[in-house]
N, C-alpha and C. Protein backbone atom coordinates (compact mmCIF):
# COMPACT_ATOMS: atom_id res chain seq x y z
N MET A 1 -2.18 -7.10 25.42
CA MET A 1 -1.50 -6.66 24.23
C MET A 1 -2.51 -6.55 23.08
N VAL A 2 -2.44 -5.44 22.36
CA VAL A 2 -3.34 -5.20 21.24
C VAL A 2 -2.73 -5.82 19.98
N LYS A 3 -3.50 -6.61 19.28
CA LYS A 3 -3.03 -7.22 18.04
C LYS A 3 -3.27 -6.25 16.88
N GLU A 4 -2.22 -6.03 16.09
CA GLU A 4 -2.36 -5.13 14.94
C GLU A 4 -3.12 -5.84 13.83
N THR A 5 -3.90 -5.07 13.11
CA THR A 5 -4.59 -5.63 11.95
C THR A 5 -3.96 -5.03 10.70
N TRP A 6 -3.67 -5.88 9.76
CA TRP A 6 -3.03 -5.46 8.52
C TRP A 6 -4.07 -5.36 7.42
N HIS A 7 -3.79 -4.51 6.47
CA HIS A 7 -4.64 -4.40 5.28
C HIS A 7 -4.55 -5.73 4.54
N PRO A 8 -5.68 -6.29 4.07
CA PRO A 8 -5.62 -7.59 3.40
C PRO A 8 -4.72 -7.61 2.17
N LYS A 9 -4.57 -6.49 1.48
CA LYS A 9 -3.71 -6.45 0.30
C LYS A 9 -2.23 -6.28 0.65
N ALA A 10 -1.91 -6.11 1.93
CA ALA A 10 -0.52 -5.92 2.36
C ALA A 10 0.27 -7.23 2.31
N TYR A 11 -0.43 -8.36 2.34
CA TYR A 11 0.24 -9.66 2.27
C TYR A 11 0.64 -9.95 0.83
N LEU A 12 1.93 -10.23 0.61
CA LEU A 12 2.44 -10.50 -0.72
C LEU A 12 2.88 -11.95 -0.82
N SER A 13 2.65 -12.57 -1.95
CA SER A 13 2.95 -13.99 -2.10
C SER A 13 4.42 -14.25 -2.42
N GLY A 14 5.11 -13.31 -3.03
CA GLY A 14 6.47 -13.54 -3.49
C GLY A 14 7.56 -13.26 -2.47
N ILE A 15 7.21 -12.75 -1.28
CA ILE A 15 8.21 -12.39 -0.29
C ILE A 15 7.78 -12.88 1.08
N LYS A 16 8.72 -12.80 2.03
CA LYS A 16 8.38 -13.11 3.41
C LYS A 16 7.69 -11.89 4.01
N ASN A 17 6.53 -12.07 4.59
CA ASN A 17 5.75 -10.95 5.12
C ASN A 17 6.07 -10.73 6.59
N VAL A 18 7.06 -9.88 6.85
CA VAL A 18 7.44 -9.55 8.22
C VAL A 18 6.61 -8.36 8.70
N GLN A 19 6.56 -8.17 10.01
CA GLN A 19 5.70 -7.12 10.58
C GLN A 19 6.01 -5.72 10.06
N LEU A 20 7.29 -5.39 9.94
CA LEU A 20 7.63 -4.04 9.46
C LEU A 20 7.11 -3.79 8.05
N GLY A 21 7.25 -4.79 7.18
CA GLY A 21 6.76 -4.65 5.81
C GLY A 21 5.25 -4.58 5.76
N LEU A 22 4.58 -5.42 6.55
CA LEU A 22 3.11 -5.40 6.59
C LEU A 22 2.62 -4.05 7.10
N ARG A 23 3.29 -3.53 8.12
CA ARG A 23 2.89 -2.23 8.68
C ARG A 23 3.06 -1.13 7.64
N ALA A 24 4.20 -1.14 6.92
CA ALA A 24 4.46 -0.11 5.92
C ALA A 24 3.46 -0.20 4.77
N ARG A 25 3.23 -1.41 4.27
CA ARG A 25 2.28 -1.56 3.15
C ARG A 25 0.86 -1.23 3.57
N THR A 26 0.50 -1.53 4.81
CA THR A 26 -0.84 -1.17 5.30
C THR A 26 -1.02 0.34 5.31
N ARG A 27 -0.01 1.06 5.78
CA ARG A 27 -0.10 2.53 5.81
C ARG A 27 -0.20 3.10 4.41
N ILE A 28 0.57 2.54 3.47
CA ILE A 28 0.53 3.00 2.08
C ILE A 28 -0.84 2.72 1.47
N LEU A 29 -1.34 1.51 1.65
CA LEU A 29 -2.64 1.14 1.08
C LEU A 29 -3.78 1.95 1.68
N ASN A 30 -3.69 2.29 2.96
CA ASN A 30 -4.73 3.12 3.57
C ASN A 30 -4.78 4.50 2.93
N VAL A 31 -3.62 5.05 2.56
CA VAL A 31 -3.60 6.34 1.87
C VAL A 31 -4.18 6.19 0.47
N LEU A 32 -3.81 5.13 -0.23
CA LEU A 32 -4.28 4.94 -1.61
C LEU A 32 -5.77 4.62 -1.68
N GLU A 33 -6.36 4.12 -0.60
CA GLU A 33 -7.79 3.86 -0.61
C GLU A 33 -8.59 5.16 -0.67
N THR A 34 -8.02 6.25 -0.21
CA THR A 34 -8.75 7.52 -0.21
C THR A 34 -8.67 8.24 -1.55
N HIS A 35 -7.47 8.22 -2.17
CA HIS A 35 -7.30 8.91 -3.45
C HIS A 35 -5.98 8.52 -4.10
N PRO A 36 -5.89 8.58 -5.44
CA PRO A 36 -4.61 8.31 -6.13
C PRO A 36 -3.65 9.49 -5.91
N VAL A 37 -2.42 9.20 -5.52
CA VAL A 37 -1.43 10.24 -5.26
C VAL A 37 -0.04 9.77 -5.66
N ASP A 38 0.91 10.71 -5.67
CA ASP A 38 2.29 10.38 -5.99
C ASP A 38 3.01 9.87 -4.73
N ALA A 39 4.18 9.29 -4.92
CA ALA A 39 4.91 8.66 -3.82
C ALA A 39 5.29 9.65 -2.73
N ARG A 40 5.64 10.87 -3.11
CA ARG A 40 6.02 11.87 -2.11
C ARG A 40 4.84 12.23 -1.21
N THR A 41 3.68 12.34 -1.78
CA THR A 41 2.48 12.64 -0.99
C THR A 41 2.15 11.48 -0.07
N ILE A 42 2.30 10.25 -0.58
CA ILE A 42 2.06 9.07 0.26
C ILE A 42 3.01 9.10 1.45
N ALA A 43 4.28 9.40 1.19
CA ALA A 43 5.28 9.45 2.27
C ALA A 43 4.88 10.47 3.34
N GLY A 44 4.39 11.62 2.89
CA GLY A 44 3.97 12.65 3.85
C GLY A 44 2.75 12.25 4.64
N GLU A 45 1.74 11.72 3.96
CA GLU A 45 0.50 11.36 4.63
C GLU A 45 0.66 10.13 5.53
N ALA A 46 1.51 9.19 5.13
CA ALA A 46 1.72 7.98 5.92
C ALA A 46 2.84 8.16 6.96
N GLU A 47 3.49 9.32 6.93
CA GLU A 47 4.60 9.65 7.83
C GLU A 47 5.71 8.60 7.74
N MET A 48 6.16 8.36 6.50
CA MET A 48 7.22 7.40 6.22
C MET A 48 8.27 8.05 5.34
N HIS A 49 9.45 7.43 5.30
CA HIS A 49 10.50 7.92 4.42
C HIS A 49 10.15 7.61 2.97
N TYR A 50 10.52 8.52 2.09
CA TYR A 50 10.22 8.39 0.66
C TYR A 50 10.77 7.09 0.08
N GLY A 51 12.01 6.75 0.40
CA GLY A 51 12.63 5.53 -0.14
C GLY A 51 11.89 4.27 0.28
N VAL A 52 11.41 4.24 1.50
CA VAL A 52 10.64 3.09 1.99
C VAL A 52 9.33 2.97 1.21
N VAL A 53 8.69 4.10 0.98
CA VAL A 53 7.42 4.10 0.24
C VAL A 53 7.64 3.59 -1.18
N VAL A 54 8.67 4.08 -1.85
CA VAL A 54 8.95 3.65 -3.23
C VAL A 54 9.26 2.16 -3.27
N HIS A 55 10.04 1.67 -2.31
CA HIS A 55 10.36 0.24 -2.26
C HIS A 55 9.09 -0.60 -2.17
N HIS A 56 8.20 -0.24 -1.26
CA HIS A 56 6.98 -1.03 -1.07
C HIS A 56 5.99 -0.85 -2.22
N LEU A 57 5.97 0.33 -2.83
CA LEU A 57 5.13 0.51 -4.01
C LEU A 57 5.58 -0.40 -5.15
N LYS A 58 6.88 -0.56 -5.32
CA LYS A 58 7.40 -1.45 -6.37
C LYS A 58 7.05 -2.90 -6.07
N LEU A 59 7.11 -3.30 -4.79
CA LEU A 59 6.70 -4.66 -4.42
C LEU A 59 5.21 -4.86 -4.71
N LEU A 60 4.39 -3.88 -4.36
CA LEU A 60 2.96 -3.97 -4.61
C LEU A 60 2.66 -3.95 -6.10
N GLU A 61 3.45 -3.19 -6.87
CA GLU A 61 3.26 -3.13 -8.32
C GLU A 61 3.62 -4.47 -8.96
N ALA A 62 4.64 -5.14 -8.46
CA ALA A 62 5.05 -6.43 -9.01
C ALA A 62 3.94 -7.47 -8.86
N GLU A 63 3.12 -7.34 -7.82
CA GLU A 63 2.01 -8.27 -7.62
C GLU A 63 0.69 -7.70 -8.14
N GLU A 64 0.80 -6.59 -8.89
CA GLU A 64 -0.33 -5.94 -9.56
C GLU A 64 -1.43 -5.47 -8.60
N ILE A 65 -1.03 -5.07 -7.40
CA ILE A 65 -1.99 -4.54 -6.43
C ILE A 65 -2.15 -3.04 -6.63
N VAL A 66 -1.06 -2.37 -7.05
CA VAL A 66 -1.11 -0.95 -7.39
C VAL A 66 -0.57 -0.77 -8.80
N GLU A 67 -0.87 0.38 -9.40
CA GLU A 67 -0.32 0.70 -10.71
C GLU A 67 -0.02 2.19 -10.78
N ARG A 68 0.93 2.52 -11.66
CA ARG A 68 1.30 3.93 -11.88
C ARG A 68 0.50 4.48 -13.03
N LYS A 69 0.14 5.72 -12.91
CA LYS A 69 -0.53 6.42 -14.02
C LYS A 69 0.17 7.75 -14.24
N GLY A 70 0.25 8.14 -15.49
CA GLY A 70 0.87 9.42 -15.82
C GLY A 70 2.37 9.30 -16.03
N SER A 71 2.99 10.44 -16.34
CA SER A 71 4.43 10.44 -16.57
C SER A 71 5.15 10.76 -15.26
N ARG A 72 6.08 11.67 -15.28
CA ARG A 72 6.84 12.00 -14.07
C ARG A 72 5.90 12.33 -12.93
N ALA A 73 6.34 12.05 -11.72
CA ALA A 73 5.51 12.16 -10.51
C ALA A 73 4.25 11.32 -10.70
N HIS A 74 4.49 10.04 -10.94
CA HIS A 74 3.40 9.09 -11.20
C HIS A 74 2.35 9.15 -10.10
N ALA A 75 1.11 9.07 -10.51
CA ALA A 75 0.02 8.92 -9.54
C ALA A 75 -0.18 7.43 -9.34
N TRP A 76 -0.12 6.96 -8.13
CA TRP A 76 -0.31 5.55 -7.81
C TRP A 76 -1.76 5.31 -7.46
N THR A 77 -2.33 4.22 -7.97
CA THR A 77 -3.71 3.87 -7.68
C THR A 77 -3.81 2.38 -7.36
N LEU A 78 -4.86 2.01 -6.66
CA LEU A 78 -5.12 0.61 -6.39
C LEU A 78 -5.77 -0.04 -7.60
N THR A 79 -5.43 -1.29 -7.83
CA THR A 79 -6.12 -2.06 -8.87
C THR A 79 -7.18 -2.90 -8.17
N GLY A 80 -7.91 -3.67 -8.90
CA GLY A 80 -8.92 -4.53 -8.30
C GLY A 80 -8.37 -5.85 -7.81
N VAL A 81 -7.06 -6.06 -7.97
CA VAL A 81 -6.43 -7.33 -7.61
C VAL A 81 -6.19 -7.40 -6.11
N GLY A 82 -6.28 -8.58 -5.55
CA GLY A 82 -5.95 -8.78 -4.13
C GLY A 82 -7.19 -8.99 -3.29
N GLN A 83 -6.94 -9.31 -2.04
CA GLN A 83 -8.03 -9.55 -1.10
C GLN A 83 -8.75 -8.24 -0.79
N LYS A 84 -10.03 -8.34 -0.55
CA LYS A 84 -10.83 -7.17 -0.22
C LYS A 84 -11.04 -7.09 1.28
N ARG A 85 -11.28 -5.90 1.78
CA ARG A 85 -11.61 -5.71 3.19
C ARG A 85 -13.02 -6.20 3.43
N LEU A 86 -13.23 -6.79 4.57
CA LEU A 86 -14.59 -7.18 4.97
C LEU A 86 -15.14 -6.06 5.84
N LEU A 87 -16.25 -5.50 5.44
CA LEU A 87 -16.84 -4.39 6.18
C LEU A 87 -18.10 -4.87 6.88
N ASN A 88 -18.23 -4.45 8.11
CA ASN A 88 -19.44 -4.77 8.87
C ASN A 88 -20.47 -3.69 8.60
N LYS A 89 -21.47 -4.01 7.81
CA LYS A 89 -22.52 -3.05 7.51
C LYS A 89 -23.81 -3.53 8.16
N PRO A 90 -24.52 -2.61 8.80
CA PRO A 90 -25.77 -3.03 9.47
C PRO A 90 -26.87 -3.40 8.50
């Protein structure tokens, strides 16, 4: 059995971290690591329902891991808060 690896920022302190939530937040954070985008674009790129994406973005925003920028059709970006990925560099 292959063990899934979650994005380090997907773990939230204020809620119970179940596998479905960790999987959803990992997919969202992987999209946001490439570029700031709106929730609809995240839903398309992560192949998730829009409502699920908005729910998890609000959870991540409450823990200051992501933030909204702009007015309508907010662009979501990562903040510097949270655990960082460990990269193996030669």
